[in-house]
Amino acid sequence: MKVSVPFIFECNFSPITADMLCKIVEKHNYNALTVLLDADIEILHKRVIERDKMKPDDYYSNLEHFKEGTEGFADICVGDRIKIDTTDFSKIDYNVIAEQIYKWIKDK
């Protein structure tokens, strides 16, 4: 950001890290776009359990603990934001997402 070079920063942001990054973006007067991938909380929970091969006694294997642990994540935004519902991957139109990103770049 110091040298004004565009880049992609990929991360599973928490609300705290997003707030810290917002301050850096503001300090350097940088244009930022958050592409937030979200889904129905129960679907996300199921994916995490399957991906991480959680056992029933793992803390986040409990849906309520998972909800508490992910609270605020769906509201994360650094700069402008495009939010994509990934509940059903077959319904995602990648061309529309690309058009939104290109429009954002053009408008900046």
PDB file of N, CA and C in Angstrom:
ATOM      1  N   MET A   1       0.817  -1.194   0.000  1.00  0.00           N
ATOM      2  CA  MET A   1       0.000   0.000   0.000  1.00  0.00           C
ATOM      3  C   MET A   1       0.860   1.257   0.000  1.00  0.00           C
ATOM      4  N   LYS A   2       2.010   1.200   0.669  1.00  0.00           N
ATOM      5  CA  LYS A   2       2.888   2.364   0.735  1.00  0.00           C
ATOM      6  C   LYS A   2       3.287   2.861  -0.641  1.00  0.00           C
ATOM      7  N   VAL A   3       3.467   1.933  -1.593  1.00  0.00           N
ATOM      8  CA  VAL A   3       3.923   2.307  -2.927  1.00  0.00           C
ATOM      9  C   VAL A   3       2.794   2.280  -3.955  1.00  0.00           C
ATOM     10  N   SER A   4       1.552   2.187  -3.484  1.00  0.00           N
ATOM     11  CA  SER A   4       0.355   2.244  -4.337  1.00  0.00           C
ATOM     12  C   SER A   4       0.318   1.178  -5.424  1.00  0.00           C
ATOM     13  N   VAL A   5       0.724  -0.013  -5.094  1.00  0.00           N
ATOM     14  CA  VAL A   5       0.672  -1.130  -6.041  1.00  0.00           C
ATOM     15  C   VAL A   5      -0.558  -1.971  -5.714  1.00  0.00           C
ATOM     16  N   PRO A   6      -1.394  -2.263  -6.731  1.00  0.00           N
ATOM     17  CA  PRO A   6      -2.568  -3.114  -6.471  1.00  0.00           C
ATOM     18  C   PRO A   6      -2.139  -4.530  -6.059  1.00  0.00           C
ATOM     19  N   PHE A   7      -2.905  -5.145  -5.194  1.00  0.00           N
ATOM     20  CA  PHE A   7      -2.613  -6.508  -4.769  1.00  0.00           C
ATOM     21  C   PHE A   7      -3.885  -7.169  -4.264  1.00  0.00           C
ATOM     22  N   ILE A   8      -3.816  -8.489  -4.147  1.00  0.00           N
ATOM     23  CA  ILE A   8      -4.928  -9.262  -3.576  1.00  0.00           C
ATOM     24  C   ILE A   8      -4.453  -9.788  -2.232  1.00  0.00           C
ATOM     25  N   PHE A   9      -5.265  -9.560  -1.230  1.00  0.00           N
ATOM     26  CA  PHE A   9      -4.964 -10.023   0.122  1.00  0.00           C
ATOM     27  C   PHE A   9      -6.052 -11.002   0.512  1.00  0.00           C
ATOM     28  N   GLU A  10      -5.724 -12.266   0.568  1.00  0.00           N
ATOM     29  CA  GLU A  10      -6.717 -13.304   0.878  1.00  0.00           C
ATOM     30  C   GLU A  10      -6.539 -13.729   2.320  1.00  0.00           C
ATOM     31  N   CYS A  11      -7.652 -13.768   3.039  1.00  0.00           N
ATOM     32  CA  CYS A  11      -7.563 -14.110   4.456  1.00  0.00           C
ATOM     33  C   CYS A  11      -8.953 -14.444   4.979  1.00  0.00           C
ATOM     34  N   ASN A  12      -9.008 -15.258   5.985  1.00  0.00           N
ATOM     35  CA  ASN A  12     -10.248 -15.457   6.734  1.00  0.00           C
ATOM     36  C   ASN A  12     -10.248 -14.405   7.834  1.00  0.00           C
ATOM     37  N   PHE A  13     -10.702 -13.216   7.473  1.00  0.00           N
ATOM     38  CA  PHE A  13     -10.682 -12.101   8.413  1.00  0.00           C
ATOM     39  C   PHE A  13     -11.612 -12.341   9.584  1.00  0.00           C
ATOM     40  N   SER A  14     -11.173 -11.872  10.720  1.00  0.00           N
ATOM     41  CA  SER A  14     -12.055 -11.763  11.874  1.00  0.00           C
ATOM     42  C   SER A  14     -12.447 -10.293  11.954  1.00  0.00           C
ATOM     43  N   PRO A  15     -13.476  -9.964  12.698  1.00  0.00           N
ATOM     44  CA  PRO A  15     -13.827  -8.546  12.827  1.00  0.00           C
ATOM     45  C   PRO A  15     -12.654  -7.689  13.318  1.00  0.00           C
ATOM     46  N   ILE A  16     -11.823  -8.231  14.203  1.00  0.00           N
ATOM     47  CA  ILE A  16     -10.686  -7.462  14.737  1.00  0.00           C
ATOM     48  C   ILE A  16      -9.639  -7.218  13.660  1.00  0.00           C
ATOM     49  N   THR A  17      -9.281  -8.250  12.875  1.00  0.00           N
ATOM     50  CA  THR A  17      -8.274  -8.048  11.825  1.00  0.00           C
ATOM     51  C   THR A  17      -8.815  -7.146  10.724  1.00  0.00           C
ATOM     52  N   ALA A  18     -10.093  -7.231  10.438  1.00  0.00           N
ATOM     53  CA  ALA A  18     -10.684  -6.342   9.428  1.00  0.00           C
ATOM     54  C   ALA A  18     -10.608  -4.896   9.895  1.00  0.00           C
ATOM     55  N   ASP A  19     -10.885  -4.652  11.168  1.00  0.00           N
ATOM     56  CA  ASP A  19     -10.788  -3.291  11.710  1.00  0.00           C
ATOM     57  C   ASP A  19      -9.358  -2.762  11.604  1.00  0.00           C
ATOM     58  N   MET A  20      -8.385  -3.611  11.902  1.00  0.00           N
ATOM     59  CA  MET A  20      -6.983  -3.196  11.806  1.00  0.00           C
ATOM     60  C   MET A  20      -6.624  -2.867  10.354  1.00  0.00           C
ATOM     61  N   LEU A  21      -7.067  -3.709   9.416  1.00  0.00           N
ATOM     62  CA  LEU A  21      -6.773  -3.476   8.008  1.00  0.00           C
ATOM     63  C   LEU A  21      -7.462  -2.203   7.511  1.00  0.00           C
ATOM     64  N   CYS A  22      -8.665  -1.927   7.984  1.00  0.00           N
ATOM     65  CA  CYS A  22      -9.365  -0.690   7.606  1.00  0.00           C
ATOM     66  C   CYS A  22      -8.531   0.533   7.969  1.00  0.00           C
ATOM     67  N   LYS A  23      -7.915   0.516   9.128  1.00  0.00           N
ATOM     68  CA  LYS A  23      -7.082   1.641   9.559  1.00  0.00           C
ATOM     69  C   LYS A  23      -5.883   1.821   8.641  1.00  0.00           C
ATOM     70  N   ILE A  24      -5.281   0.722   8.211  1.00  0.00           N
ATOM     71  CA  ILE A  24      -4.133   0.791   7.301  1.00  0.00           C
ATOM     72  C   ILE A  24      -4.577   1.309   5.933  1.00  0.00           C
ATOM     73  N   VAL A  25      -5.724   0.823   5.456  1.00  0.00           N
ATOM     74  CA  VAL A  25      -6.271   1.271   4.171  1.00  0.00           C
ATOM     75  C   VAL A  25      -6.527   2.782   4.219  1.00  0.00           C
ATOM     76  N   GLU A  26      -7.120   3.249   5.296  1.00  0.00           N
ATOM     77  CA  GLU A  26      -7.391   4.681   5.439  1.00  0.00           C
ATOM     78  C   GLU A  26      -6.099   5.488   5.506  1.00  0.00           C
ATOM     79  N   LYS A  27      -5.128   4.992   6.249  1.00  0.00           N
ATOM     80  CA  LYS A  27      -3.850   5.687   6.404  1.00  0.00           C
ATOM     81  C   LYS A  27      -3.180   5.910   5.046  1.00  0.00           C
ATOM     82  N   HIS A  28      -3.247   4.919   4.176  1.00  0.00           N
ATOM     83  CA  HIS A  28      -2.579   5.010   2.874  1.00  0.00           C
ATOM     84  C   HIS A  28      -3.520   5.457   1.764  1.00  0.00           C
ATOM     85  N   ASN A  29      -4.750   5.862   2.132  1.00  0.00           N
ATOM     86  CA  ASN A  29      -5.740   6.324   1.157  1.00  0.00           C
ATOM     87  C   ASN A  29      -5.872   5.329  -0.001  1.00  0.00           C
ATOM     88  N   TYR A  30      -6.048   4.083   0.358  1.00  0.00           N
ATOM     89  CA  TYR A  30      -6.080   2.981  -0.598  1.00  0.00           C
ATOM     90  C   TYR A  30      -7.522   2.602  -0.908  1.00  0.00           C
ATOM     91  N   ASN A  31      -7.783   2.198  -2.139  1.00  0.00           N
ATOM     92  CA  ASN A  31      -9.099   1.675  -2.501  1.00  0.00           C
ATOM     93  C   ASN A  31      -9.100   0.178  -2.232  1.00  0.00           C
ATOM     94  N   ALA A  32     -10.052  -0.280  -1.462  1.00  0.00           N
ATOM     95  CA  ALA A  32     -10.113  -1.701  -1.116  1.00  0.00           C
ATOM     96  C   ALA A  32     -11.495  -2.250  -1.451  1.00  0.00           C
ATOM     97  N   LEU A  33     -11.497  -3.498  -1.837  1.00  0.00           N
ATOM     98  CA  LEU A  33     -12.735  -4.215  -2.124  1.00  0.00           C
ATOM     99  C   LEU A  33     -12.703  -5.543  -1.383  1.00  0.00           C
ATOM    100  N   THR A  34     -13.707  -5.770  -0.562  1.00  0.00           N
ATOM    101  CA  THR A  34     -13.861  -7.044   0.118  1.00  0.00           C
ATOM    102  C   THR A  34     -14.820  -7.899  -0.694  1.00  0.00           C
ATOM    103  N   VAL A  35     -14.388  -9.111  -1.039  1.00  0.00           N
ATOM    104  CA  VAL A  35     -15.278 -10.089  -1.657  1.00  0.00           C
ATOM    105  C   VAL A  35     -15.568 -11.098  -0.560  1.00  0.00           C
ATOM    106  N   LEU A  36     -16.748 -10.990   0.014  1.00  0.00           N
ATOM    107  CA  LEU A  36     -17.127 -11.802   1.170  1.00  0.00           C
ATOM    108  C   LEU A  36     -17.934 -13.005   0.717  1.00  0.00           C
ATOM    109  N   LEU A  37     -17.418 -14.185   1.002  1.00  0.00           N
ATOM    110  CA  LEU A  37     -18.130 -15.428   0.707  1.00  0.00           C
ATOM    111  C   LEU A  37     -18.862 -15.839   1.966  1.00  0.00           C
ATOM    112  N   ASP A  38     -20.173 -15.945   1.868  1.00  0.00           N
ATOM    113  CA  ASP A  38     -21.008 -16.267   3.015  1.00  0.00           C
ATOM    114  C   ASP A  38     -21.968 -17.382   2.622  1.00  0.00           C
ATOM    115  N   ALA A  39     -22.633 -17.945   3.595  1.00  0.00           N
ATOM    116  CA  ALA A  39     -23.617 -19.004   3.342  1.00  0.00           C
ATOM    117  C   ALA A  39     -24.494 -19.159   4.571  1.00  0.00           C
ATOM    118  N   ASP A  40     -25.530 -19.933   4.422  1.00  0.00           N
ATOM    119  CA  ASP A  40     -26.376 -20.299   5.549  1.00  0.00           C
ATOM    120  C   ASP A  40     -25.487 -20.877   6.639  1.00  0.00           C
ATOM    121  N   ILE A  41     -25.679 -20.436   7.878  1.00  0.00           N
ATOM    122  CA  ILE A  41     -24.791 -20.823   8.981  1.00  0.00           C
ATOM    123  C   ILE A  41     -24.748 -22.335   9.200  1.00  0.00           C
ATOM    124  N   GLU A  42     -25.859 -23.014   9.022  1.00  0.00           N
ATOM    125  CA  GLU A  42     -25.850 -24.467   9.219  1.00  0.00           C
ATOM    126  C   GLU A  42     -25.064 -25.168   8.120  1.00  0.00           C
ATOM    127  N   ILE A  43     -25.135 -24.655   6.901  1.00  0.00           N
ATOM    128  CA  ILE A  43     -24.350 -25.207   5.793  1.00  0.00           C
ATOM    129  C   ILE A  43     -22.865 -24.962   6.046  1.00  0.00           C
ATOM    130  N   LEU A  44     -22.519 -23.745   6.463  1.00  0.00           N
ATOM    131  CA  LEU A  44     -21.122 -23.446   6.780  1.00  0.00           C
ATOM    132  C   LEU A  44     -20.597 -24.372   7.871  1.00  0.00           C
ATOM    133  N   HIS A  45     -21.409 -24.564   8.891  1.00  0.00           N
ATOM    134  CA  HIS A  45     -21.013 -25.434   9.996  1.00  0.00           C
ATOM    135  C   HIS A  45     -20.742 -26.847   9.501  1.00  0.00           C
ATOM    136  N   LYS A  46     -21.631 -27.360   8.691  1.00  0.00           N
ATOM    137  CA  LYS A  46     -21.462 -28.705   8.135  1.00  0.00           C
ATOM    138  C   LYS A  46     -20.177 -28.801   7.308  1.00  0.00           C
ATOM    139  N   ARG A  47     -19.906 -27.788   6.502  1.00  0.00           N
ATOM    140  CA  ARG A  47     -18.681 -27.780   5.689  1.00  0.00           C
ATOM    141  C   ARG A  47     -17.429 -27.774   6.546  1.00  0.00           C
ATOM    142  N   VAL A  48     -17.444 -26.973   7.602  1.00  0.00           N
ATOM    143  CA  VAL A  48     -16.280 -26.905   8.485  1.00  0.00           C
ATOM    144  C   VAL A  48     -16.052 -28.246   9.172  1.00  0.00           C
ATOM    145  N   ILE A  49     -17.111 -28.869   9.652  1.00  0.00           N
ATOM    146  CA  ILE A  49     -16.983 -30.173  10.312  1.00  0.00           C
ATOM    147  C   ILE A  49     -16.399 -31.204   9.342  1.00  0.00           C
ATOM    148  N   GLU A  50     -16.934 -31.220   8.116  1.00  0.00           N
ATOM    149  CA  GLU A  50     -16.442 -32.178   7.125  1.00  0.00           C
ATOM    150  C   GLU A  50     -14.998 -31.879   6.719  1.00  0.00           C
ATOM    151  N   ARG A  51     -14.699 -30.601   6.493  1.00  0.00           N
ATOM    152  CA  ARG A  51     -13.352 -30.208   6.056  1.00  0.00           C
ATOM    153  C   ARG A  51     -12.313 -30.493   7.131  1.00  0.00           C
ATOM    154  N   ASP A  52     -12.628 -30.135   8.356  1.00  0.00           N
ATOM    155  CA  ASP A  52     -11.666 -30.272   9.446  1.00  0.00           C
ATOM    156  C   ASP A  52     -11.744 -31.619  10.156  1.00  0.00           C
ATOM    157  N   LYS A  53     -12.647 -32.468   9.663  1.00  0.00           N
ATOM    158  CA  LYS A  53     -12.825 -33.807  10.245  1.00  0.00           C
ATOM    159  C   LYS A  53     -12.983 -33.734  11.768  1.00  0.00           C
ATOM    160  N   MET A  54     -13.887 -32.866  12.178  1.00  0.00           N
ATOM    161  CA  MET A  54     -14.115 -32.670  13.613  1.00  0.00           C
ATOM    162  C   MET A  54     -14.803 -33.870  14.236  1.00  0.00           C
ATOM    163  N   LYS A  55     -14.437 -34.103  15.475  1.00  0.00           N
ATOM    164  CA  LYS A  55     -15.102 -35.137  16.264  1.00  0.00           C
ATOM    165  C   LYS A  55     -16.258 -34.471  17.022  1.00  0.00           C
ATOM    166  N   PRO A  56     -17.254 -35.238  17.428  1.00  0.00           N
ATOM    167  CA  PRO A  56     -18.413 -34.646  18.127  1.00  0.00           C
ATOM    168  C   PRO A  56     -18.052 -33.852  19.376  1.00  0.00           C
ATOM    169  N   ASP A  57     -16.920 -34.146  19.998  1.00  0.00           N
ATOM    170  CA  ASP A  57     -16.564 -33.425  21.229  1.00  0.00           C
ATOM    171  C   ASP A  57     -15.667 -32.208  20.964  1.00  0.00           C
ATOM    172  N   ASP A  58     -15.322 -31.924  19.702  1.00  0.00           N
ATOM    173  CA  ASP A  58     -14.571 -30.711  19.382  1.00  0.00           C
ATOM    174  C   ASP A  58     -15.466 -29.502  19.644  1.00  0.00           C
ATOM    175  N   TYR A  59     -14.891 -28.429  20.129  1.00  0.00           N
ATOM    176  CA  TYR A  59     -15.667 -27.263  20.550  1.00  0.00           C
ATOM    177  C   TYR A  59     -16.592 -26.764  19.448  1.00  0.00           C
ATOM    178  N   TYR A  60     -16.061 -26.563  18.238  1.00  0.00           N
ATOM    179  CA  TYR A  60     -16.873 -25.999  17.165  1.00  0.00           C
ATOM    180  C   TYR A  60     -17.743 -27.034  16.461  1.00  0.00           C
ATOM    181  N   SER A  61     -17.705 -28.282  16.904  1.00  0.00           N
ATOM    182  CA  SER A  61     -18.643 -29.263  16.341  1.00  0.00           C
ATOM    183  C   SER A  61     -20.068 -28.963  16.817  1.00  0.00           C
ATOM    184  N   ASN A  62     -20.177 -28.215  17.902  1.00  0.00           N
ATOM    185  CA  ASN A  62     -21.474 -27.780  18.418  1.00  0.00           C
ATOM    186  C   ASN A  62     -21.921 -26.543  17.634  1.00  0.00           C
ATOM    187  N   LEU A  63     -23.092 -26.616  16.998  1.00  0.00           N
ATOM    188  CA  LEU A  63     -23.581 -25.521  16.160  1.00  0.00           C
ATOM    189  C   LEU A  63     -23.673 -24.204  16.915  1.00  0.00           C
ATOM    190  N   GLU A  64     -24.133 -24.226  18.150  1.00  0.00           N
ATOM    191  CA  GLU A  64     -24.266 -22.980  18.915  1.00  0.00           C
ATOM    192  C   GLU A  64     -22.900 -22.353  19.187  1.00  0.00           C
ATOM    193  N   HIS A  65     -21.899 -23.177  19.486  1.00  0.00           N
ATOM    194  CA  HIS A  65     -20.543 -22.648  19.693  1.00  0.00           C
ATOM    195  C   HIS A  65     -20.005 -22.064  18.391  1.00  0.00           C
ATOM    196  N   PHE A  66     -20.283 -22.741  17.292  1.00  0.00           N
ATOM    197  CA  PHE A  66     -19.852 -22.268  15.977  1.00  0.00           C
ATOM    198  C   PHE A  66     -20.485 -20.911  15.669  1.00  0.00           C
ATOM    199  N   LYS A  67     -21.786 -20.786  15.941  1.00  0.00           N
ATOM    200  CA  LYS A  67     -22.477 -19.511  15.705  1.00  0.00           C
ATOM    201  C   LYS A  67     -21.846 -18.395  16.534  1.00  0.00           C
ATOM    202  N   GLU A  68     -21.571 -18.683  17.797  1.00  0.00           N
ATOM    203  CA  GLU A  68     -20.949 -17.683  18.671  1.00  0.00           C
ATOM    204  C   GLU A  68     -19.560 -17.302  18.159  1.00  0.00           C
ATOM    205  N   GLY A  69     -18.796 -18.317  17.734  1.00  0.00           N
ATOM    206  CA  GLY A  69     -17.432 -18.082  17.274  1.00  0.00           C
ATOM    207  C   GLY A  69     -17.335 -17.344  15.955  1.00  0.00           C
ATOM    208  N   THR A  70     -18.387 -17.371  15.165  1.00  0.00           N
ATOM    209  CA  THR A  70     -18.359 -16.713  13.862  1.00  0.00           C
ATOM    210  C   THR A  70     -19.217 -15.442  13.827  1.00  0.00           C
ATOM    211  N   GLU A  71     -19.735 -15.062  14.973  1.00  0.00           N
ATOM    212  CA  GLU A  71     -20.589 -13.872  15.035  1.00  0.00           C
ATOM    213  C   GLU A  71     -19.830 -12.639  14.538  1.00  0.00           C
ATOM    214  N   GLY A  72     -20.439 -11.896  13.674  1.00  0.00           N
ATOM    215  CA  GLY A  72     -19.833 -10.677  13.153  1.00  0.00           C
ATOM    216  C   GLY A  72     -19.043 -10.874  11.863  1.00  0.00           C
ATOM    217  N   PHE A  73     -18.723 -12.116  11.530  1.00  0.00           N
ATOM    218  CA  PHE A  73     -17.916 -12.375  10.332  1.00  0.00           C
ATOM    219  C   PHE A  73     -18.658 -11.984   9.056  1.00  0.00           C
ATOM    220  N   ALA A  74     -19.972 -12.177   9.009  1.00  0.00           N
ATOM    221  CA  ALA A  74     -20.745 -11.864   7.803  1.00  0.00           C
ATOM    222  C   ALA A  74     -20.860 -10.362   7.570  1.00  0.00           C
ATOM    223  N   ASP A  75     -20.483  -9.565   8.552  1.00  0.00           N
ATOM    224  CA  ASP A  75     -20.569  -8.107   8.430  1.00  0.00           C
ATOM    225  C   ASP A  75     -19.231  -7.472   8.065  1.00  0.00           C
ATOM    226  N   ILE A  76     -18.198  -8.286   7.919  1.00  0.00           N
ATOM    227  CA  ILE A  76     -16.857  -7.768   7.660  1.00  0.00           C
ATOM    228  C   ILE A  76     -16.819  -7.032   6.327  1.00  0.00           C
ATOM    229  N   CYS A  77     -16.154  -5.891   6.373  1.00  0.00           N
ATOM    230  CA  CYS A  77     -15.995  -5.109   5.149  1.00  0.00           C
ATOM    231  C   CYS A  77     -14.768  -4.224   5.304  1.00  0.00           C
ATOM    232  N   VAL A  78     -13.838  -4.348   4.361  1.00  0.00           N
ATOM    233  CA  VAL A  78     -12.704  -3.438   4.270  1.00  0.00           C
ATOM    234  C   VAL A  78     -12.885  -2.716   2.945  1.00  0.00           C
ATOM    235  N   GLY A  79     -13.179  -1.438   2.990  1.00  0.00           N
ATOM    236  CA  GLY A  79     -13.490  -0.692   1.777  1.00  0.00           C
ATOM    237  C   GLY A  79     -14.904  -1.013   1.319  1.00  0.00           C
ATOM    238  N   ASP A  80     -15.064  -1.173   0.017  1.00  0.00           N
ATOM    239  CA  ASP A  80     -16.360  -1.559  -0.533  1.00  0.00           C
ATOM    240  C   ASP A  80     -16.512  -3.071  -0.427  1.00  0.00           C
ATOM    241  N   ARG A  81     -17.726  -3.558  -0.686  1.00  0.00           N
ATOM    242  CA  ARG A  81     -17.935  -4.994  -0.493  1.00  0.00           C
ATOM    243  C   ARG A  81     -18.874  -5.585  -1.534  1.00  0.00           C
ATOM    244  N   ILE A  82     -18.503  -6.769  -1.957  1.00  0.00           N
ATOM    245  CA  ILE A  82     -19.376  -7.626  -2.754  1.00  0.00           C
ATOM    246  C   ILE A  82     -19.572  -8.882  -1.904  1.00  0.00           C
ATOM    247  N   LYS A  83     -20.828  -9.196  -1.610  1.00  0.00           N
ATOM    248  CA  LYS A  83     -21.139 -10.359  -0.777  1.00  0.00           C
ATOM    249  C   LYS A  83     -21.720 -11.446  -1.673  1.00  0.00           C
ATOM    250  N   ILE A  84     -21.171 -12.651  -1.565  1.00  0.00           N
ATOM    251  CA  ILE A  84     -21.581 -13.767  -2.403  1.00  0.00           C
ATOM    252  C   ILE A  84     -22.129 -14.876  -1.513  1.00  0.00           C
ATOM    253  N   ASP A  85     -23.339 -15.288  -1.812  1.00  0.00           N
ATOM    254  CA  ASP A  85     -23.970 -16.381  -1.070  1.00  0.00           C
ATOM    255  C   ASP A  85     -23.497 -17.705  -1.672  1.00  0.00           C
ATOM    256  N   THR A  86     -22.745 -18.464  -0.889  1.00  0.00           N
ATOM    257  CA  THR A  86     -22.203 -19.748  -1.355  1.00  0.00           C
ATOM    258  C   THR A  86     -22.961 -20.941  -0.786  1.00  0.00           C
ATOM    259  N   THR A  87     -24.177 -20.695  -0.302  1.00  0.00           N
ATOM    260  CA  THR A  87     -24.968 -21.798   0.247  1.00  0.00           C
ATOM    261  C   THR A  87     -25.113 -22.917  -0.775  1.00  0.00           C
ATOM    262  N   ASP A  88     -25.366 -22.544  -2.030  1.00  0.00           N
ATOM    263  CA  ASP A  88     -25.503 -23.520  -3.114  1.00  0.00           C
ATOM    264  C   ASP A  88     -24.573 -23.085  -4.242  1.00  0.00           C
ATOM    265  N   PHE A  89     -23.431 -23.759  -4.359  1.00  0.00           N
ATOM    266  CA  PHE A  89     -22.424 -23.369  -5.351  1.00  0.00           C
ATOM    267  C   PHE A  89     -22.966 -23.397  -6.782  1.00  0.00           C
ATOM    268  N   SER A  90     -23.959 -24.244  -7.047  1.00  0.00           N
ATOM    269  CA  SER A  90     -24.493 -24.337  -8.406  1.00  0.00           C
ATOM    270  C   SER A  90     -25.270 -23.088  -8.815  1.00  0.00           C
ATOM    271  N   LYS A  91     -25.623 -22.259  -7.846  1.00  0.00           N
ATOM    272  CA  LYS A  91     -26.386 -21.046  -8.143  1.00  0.00           C
ATOM    273  C   LYS A  91     -25.510 -19.805  -8.281  1.00  0.00           C
ATOM    274  N   ILE A  92     -24.208 -19.969  -8.135  1.00  0.00           N
ATOM    275  CA  ILE A  92     -23.305 -18.823  -8.240  1.00  0.00           C
ATOM    276  C   ILE A  92     -23.040 -18.532  -9.707  1.00  0.00           C
ATOM    277  N   ASP A  93     -23.245 -17.280 -10.094  1.00  0.00           N
ATOM    278  CA  ASP A  93     -22.954 -16.843 -11.455  1.00  0.00           C
ATOM    279  C   ASP A  93     -21.620 -16.092 -11.420  1.00  0.00           C
ATOM    280  N   TYR A  94     -20.552 -16.780 -11.779  1.00  0.00           N
ATOM    281  CA  TYR A  94     -19.209 -16.212 -11.701  1.00  0.00           C
ATOM    282  C   TYR A  94     -19.037 -15.040 -12.659  1.00  0.00           C
ATOM    283  N   ASN A  95     -19.765 -15.030 -13.759  1.00  0.00           N
ATOM    284  CA  ASN A  95     -19.692 -13.900 -14.693  1.00  0.00           C
ATOM    285  C   ASN A  95     -20.224 -12.630 -14.051  1.00  0.00           C
ATOM    286  N   VAL A  96     -21.302 -12.752 -13.285  1.00  0.00           N
ATOM    287  CA  VAL A  96     -21.857 -11.590 -12.584  1.00  0.00           C
ATOM    288  C   VAL A  96     -20.842 -11.060 -11.563  1.00  0.00           C
ATOM    289  N   ILE A  97     -20.199 -11.955 -10.849  1.00  0.00           N
ATOM    290  CA  ILE A  97     -19.189 -11.536  -9.864  1.00  0.00           C
ATOM    291  C   ILE A  97     -18.045 -10.816 -10.569  1.00  0.00           C
ATOM    292  N   ALA A  98     -17.566 -11.390 -11.664  1.00  0.00           N
ATOM    293  CA  ALA A  98     -16.480 -10.761 -12.419  1.00  0.00           C
ATOM    294  C   ALA A  98     -16.896  -9.380 -12.914  1.00  0.00           C
ATOM    295  N   GLU A  99     -18.129  -9.256 -13.397  1.00  0.00           N
ATOM    296  CA  GLU A  99     -18.631  -7.957 -13.864  1.00  0.00           C
ATOM    297  C   GLU A  99     -18.675  -6.942 -12.729  1.00  0.00           C
ATOM    298  N   GLN A 100     -19.092  -7.382 -11.536  1.00  0.00           N
ATOM    299  CA  GLN A 100     -19.137  -6.479 -10.384  1.00  0.00           C
ATOM    300  C   GLN A 100     -17.727  -5.995 -10.033  1.00  0.00           C
ATOM    301  N   ILE A 101     -16.766  -6.907 -10.063  1.00  0.00           N
ATOM    302  CA  ILE A 101     -15.386  -6.537  -9.730  1.00  0.00           C
ATOM    303  C   ILE A 101     -14.824  -5.595 -10.788  1.00  0.00           C
ATOM    304  N   TYR A 102     -15.028  -5.908 -12.067  1.00  0.00           N
ATOM    305  CA  TYR A 102     -14.544  -5.035 -13.142  1.00  0.00           C
ATOM    306  C   TYR A 102     -15.176  -3.651 -13.050  1.00  0.00           C
ATOM    307  N   LYS A 103     -16.458  -3.592 -12.742  1.00  0.00           N
ATOM    308  CA  LYS A 103     -17.141  -2.293 -12.599  1.00  0.00           C
ATOM    309  C   LYS A 103     -16.527  -1.524 -11.452  1.00  0.00           C
ATOM    310  N   TRP A 104     -16.269  -2.194 -10.335  1.00  0.00           N
ATOM    311  CA  TRP A 104     -15.673  -1.527  -9.189  1.00  0.00           C
ATOM    312  C   TRP A 104     -14.305  -0.956  -9.566  1.00  0.00           C
ATOM    313  N   ILE A 105     -13.495  -1.744 -10.273  1.00  0.00           N
ATOM    314  CA  ILE A 105     -12.165  -1.282 -10.683  1.00  0.00           C
ATOM    315  C   ILE A 105     -12.298  -0.076 -11.611  1.00  0.00           C
ATOM    316  N   LYS A 106     -13.193  -0.161 -12.576  1.00  0.00           N
ATOM    317  CA  LYS A 106     -13.383   0.924 -13.537  1.00  0.00           C
ATOM    318  C   LYS A 106     -13.828   2.210 -12.846  1.00  0.00           C
ATOM    319  N   ASP A 107     -14.696   2.082 -11.856  1.00  0.00           N
ATOM    320  CA  ASP A 107     -15.212   3.252 -11.149  1.00  0.00           C
ATOM    321  C   ASP A 107     -14.196   3.889 -10.221  1.00  0.00           C
ATOM    322  N   LYS A 108     -13.140   3.179  -9.905  1.00  0.00           N
ATOM    323  CA  LYS A 108     -12.115   3.724  -9.012  1.00  0.00           C
ATOM    324  C   LYS A 108     -11.117   4.473  -9.838  1.00  0.00           C
TER     325      LYS A 108
END
